[in-house]
C-alpha atoms as a PDB file:
ATOM      1  CA  MET A   1      -5.476  -4.019   3.598  1.00  0.00           C
ATOM      2  CA  PRO A   2      -6.880  -0.928   5.378  1.00  0.00           C
ATOM      3  CA  LYS A   3      -4.620   1.387   7.380  1.00  0.00           C
ATOM      4  CA  TYR A   4      -5.471   2.738  10.816  1.00  0.00           C
ATOM      5  CA  VAL A   5      -4.124   5.558  12.967  1.00  0.00           C
ATOM      6  CA  ILE A   6      -4.205   4.718  16.664  1.00  0.00           C
ATOM      7  CA  GLU A   7      -4.058   7.530  19.210  1.00  0.00           C
ATOM      8  CA  ARG A   8      -2.703   6.293  22.516  1.00  0.00           C
ATOM      9  CA  ASP A   9      -2.907   8.596  25.552  1.00  0.00           C
ATOM     10  CA  LEU A  10       0.283   7.998  27.500  1.00  0.00           C
ATOM     11  CA  PRO A  11       1.186  10.832  29.889  1.00  0.00           C
ATOM     12  CA  GLY A  12       4.922  11.495  29.772  1.00  0.00           C
ATOM     13  CA  ALA A  13       5.413   9.564  26.511  1.00  0.00           C
ATOM     14  CA  GLY A  14       7.916  12.145  25.293  1.00  0.00           C
ATOM     15  CA  LYS A  15      10.078  11.510  28.349  1.00  0.00           C
ATOM     16  CA  LEU A  16      10.343   7.737  27.844  1.00  0.00           C
ATOM     17  CA  SER A  17      13.925   6.531  27.556  1.00  0.00           C
ATOM     18  CA  ALA A  18      15.252   4.660  24.535  1.00  0.00           C
ATOM     19  CA  GLU A  19      15.192   1.484  26.642  1.00  0.00           C
ATOM     20  CA  GLU A  20      11.541   2.021  27.624  1.00  0.00           C
ATOM     21  CA  LEU A  21      10.578   2.617  23.981  1.00  0.00           C
ATOM     22  CA  LYS A  22      12.467  -0.534  23.034  1.00  0.00           C
ATOM     23  CA  ASN A  23      10.548  -2.530  25.655  1.00  0.00           C
ATOM     24  CA  ILE A  24       7.207  -1.175  24.410  1.00  0.00           C
ATOM     25  CA  SER A  25       8.208  -2.025  20.834  1.00  0.00           C
ATOM     26  CA  GLN A  26       9.240  -5.547  21.783  1.00  0.00           C
ATOM     27  CA  ALA A  27       5.951  -6.131  23.597  1.00  0.00           C
ATOM     28  CA  SER A  28       4.006  -4.906  20.568  1.00  0.00           C
ATOM     29  CA  CYS A  29       5.999  -7.096  18.177  1.00  0.00           C
ATOM     30  CA  ALA A  30       5.460 -10.159  20.363  1.00  0.00           C
ATOM     31  CA  VAL A  31       1.684  -9.682  20.263  1.00  0.00           C
ATOM     32  CA  LEU A  32       1.781  -9.055  16.504  1.00  0.00           C
ATOM     33  CA  SER A  33       3.743 -12.252  15.996  1.00  0.00           C
ATOM     34  CA  ASP A  34       1.049 -14.205  17.834  1.00  0.00           C
ATOM     35  CA  MET A  35      -1.740 -12.541  15.839  1.00  0.00           C
ATOM     36  CA  GLY A  36      -0.300 -13.345  12.410  1.00  0.00           C
ATOM     37  CA  PRO A  37       0.114 -11.414   9.168  1.00  0.00           C
ATOM     38  CA  GLN A  38      -3.397  -9.924   9.173  1.00  0.00           C
ATOM     39  CA  ILE A  39      -2.074  -7.011  11.254  1.00  0.00           C
ATOM     40  CA  GLN A  40       1.152  -5.065  10.722  1.00  0.00           C
ATOM     41  CA  TRP A  41       2.743  -2.173  12.572  1.00  0.00           C
ATOM     42  CA  ILE A  42       4.123   0.423  10.154  1.00  0.00           C
ATOM     43  CA  HIS A  43       5.554   3.057  12.550  1.00  0.00           C
ATOM     44  CA  SER A  44       4.693   5.355  15.447  1.00  0.00           C
ATOM     45  CA  TYR A  45       5.183   8.979  16.431  1.00  0.00           C
ATOM     46  CA  VAL A  46       5.936   9.802  20.064  1.00  0.00           C
ATOM     47  CA  THR A  47       4.783  13.215  21.315  1.00  0.00           C
ATOM     48  CA  GLY A  48       4.653  14.769  24.765  1.00  0.00           C
ATOM     49  CA  ASP A  49       1.710  12.788  26.132  1.00  0.00           C
ATOM     50  CA  LYS A  50       0.623  10.552  23.256  1.00  0.00           C
ATOM     51  CA  ILE A  51       1.852   7.949  20.826  1.00  0.00           C
ATOM     52  CA  TYR A  52       0.320   7.876  17.347  1.00  0.00           C
ATOM     53  CA  CYS A  53       0.692   4.537  15.563  1.00  0.00           C
ATOM     54  CA  LEU A  54       0.055   3.571  11.970  1.00  0.00           C
ATOM     55  CA  TYR A  55      -1.067  -0.014  11.380  1.00  0.00           C
ATOM     56  CA  ARG A  56      -2.340  -2.142   8.524  1.00  0.00           C
ATOM     57  CA  ALA A  57      -5.075  -4.531   9.616  1.00  0.00           C
ATOM     58  CA  GLU A  58      -8.005  -6.414   8.212  1.00  0.00           C
ATOM     59  CA  ASN A  59     -10.358  -4.443  10.465  1.00  0.00           C
ATOM     60  CA  GLU A  60     -10.542  -2.083  13.429  1.00  0.00           C
ATOM     61  CA  GLN A  61     -11.281  -4.888  15.873  1.00  0.00           C
ATOM     62  CA  MET A  62      -7.888  -6.459  15.181  1.00  0.00           C
ATOM     63  CA  VAL A  63      -6.240  -3.168  16.147  1.00  0.00           C
ATOM     64  CA  ARG A  64      -8.247  -3.056  19.350  1.00  0.00           C
ATOM     65  CA  ASP A  65      -7.467  -6.716  20.096  1.00  0.00           C
ATOM     66  CA  HIS A  66      -3.740  -5.995  19.686  1.00  0.00           C
ATOM     67  CA  ALA A  67      -3.987  -3.125  22.155  1.00  0.00           C
ATOM     68  CA  GLN A  68      -5.885  -5.228  24.683  1.00  0.00           C
ATOM     69  CA  ARG A  69      -3.494  -8.176  24.429  1.00  0.00           C
ATOM     70  CA  GLY A  70      -0.465  -5.929  24.772  1.00  0.00           C
ATOM     71  CA  GLY A  71      -1.906  -3.795  27.563  1.00  0.00           C
ATOM     72  CA  PHE A  72      -1.643  -0.648  25.411  1.00  0.00           C
ATOM     73  CA  PRO A  73      -4.221   2.141  25.371  1.00  0.00           C
ATOM     74  CA  ALA A  74      -6.109   2.644  22.105  1.00  0.00           C
ATOM     75  CA  ASN A  75      -8.055   5.774  22.910  1.00  0.00           C
ATOM     76  CA  ARG A  76      -8.984   6.477  19.307  1.00  0.00           C
ATOM     77  CA  VAL A  77      -8.748   4.245  16.245  1.00  0.00           C
ATOM     78  CA  SER A  78      -9.393   5.890  12.867  1.00  0.00           C
ATOM     79  CA  GLU A  79      -9.316   4.292   9.442  1.00  0.00           C
ATOM     80  CA  VAL A  80      -7.140   6.154   6.936  1.00  0.00           C
ATOM     81  CA  ILE A  81      -9.298   7.126   3.971  1.00  0.00           C
ATOM     82  CA  ALA A  82      -6.644   8.909   1.905  1.00  0.00           C
ATOM     83  CA  THR A  83      -3.067  10.117   2.119  1.00  0.00           C
ATOM     84  CA  ILE A  84      -1.982  13.524   0.892  1.00  0.00           C
ATOM     85  CA  ASP A  85       1.389  15.249   0.741  1.00  0.00           C
ATOM     86  CA  PRO A  86       2.987  18.125  -1.200  1.00  0.00           C
ATOM     87  CA  THR A  87       2.888  16.072  -4.425  1.00  0.00           C
ATOM     88  CA  THR A  88      -0.919  15.981  -4.154  1.00  0.00           C
ATOM     89  CA  ALA A  89      -0.888  19.688  -5.085  1.00  0.00           C
ATOM     90  CA  GLU A  90       0.847  19.027  -8.397  1.00  0.00           C
END
């Protein structure tokens, strides 16, 4: 199943409390549960004004549908073509 990186513009994201992040996570999981196993949330990175999420999904539209249903921004959705890390240099 393809992987996607979702860039979500969310001013002040880095200042969200643990409780607010929990609420966002719960909302996302509820939508995912309704959508079925064709879309999976892997993890997210919270920065100052953005949240970057990594998902597995059958296609980009599923990622966008998840965002719309959950009321989350999905300002940029990019399919992951390859993954590299320090072991790639070996």
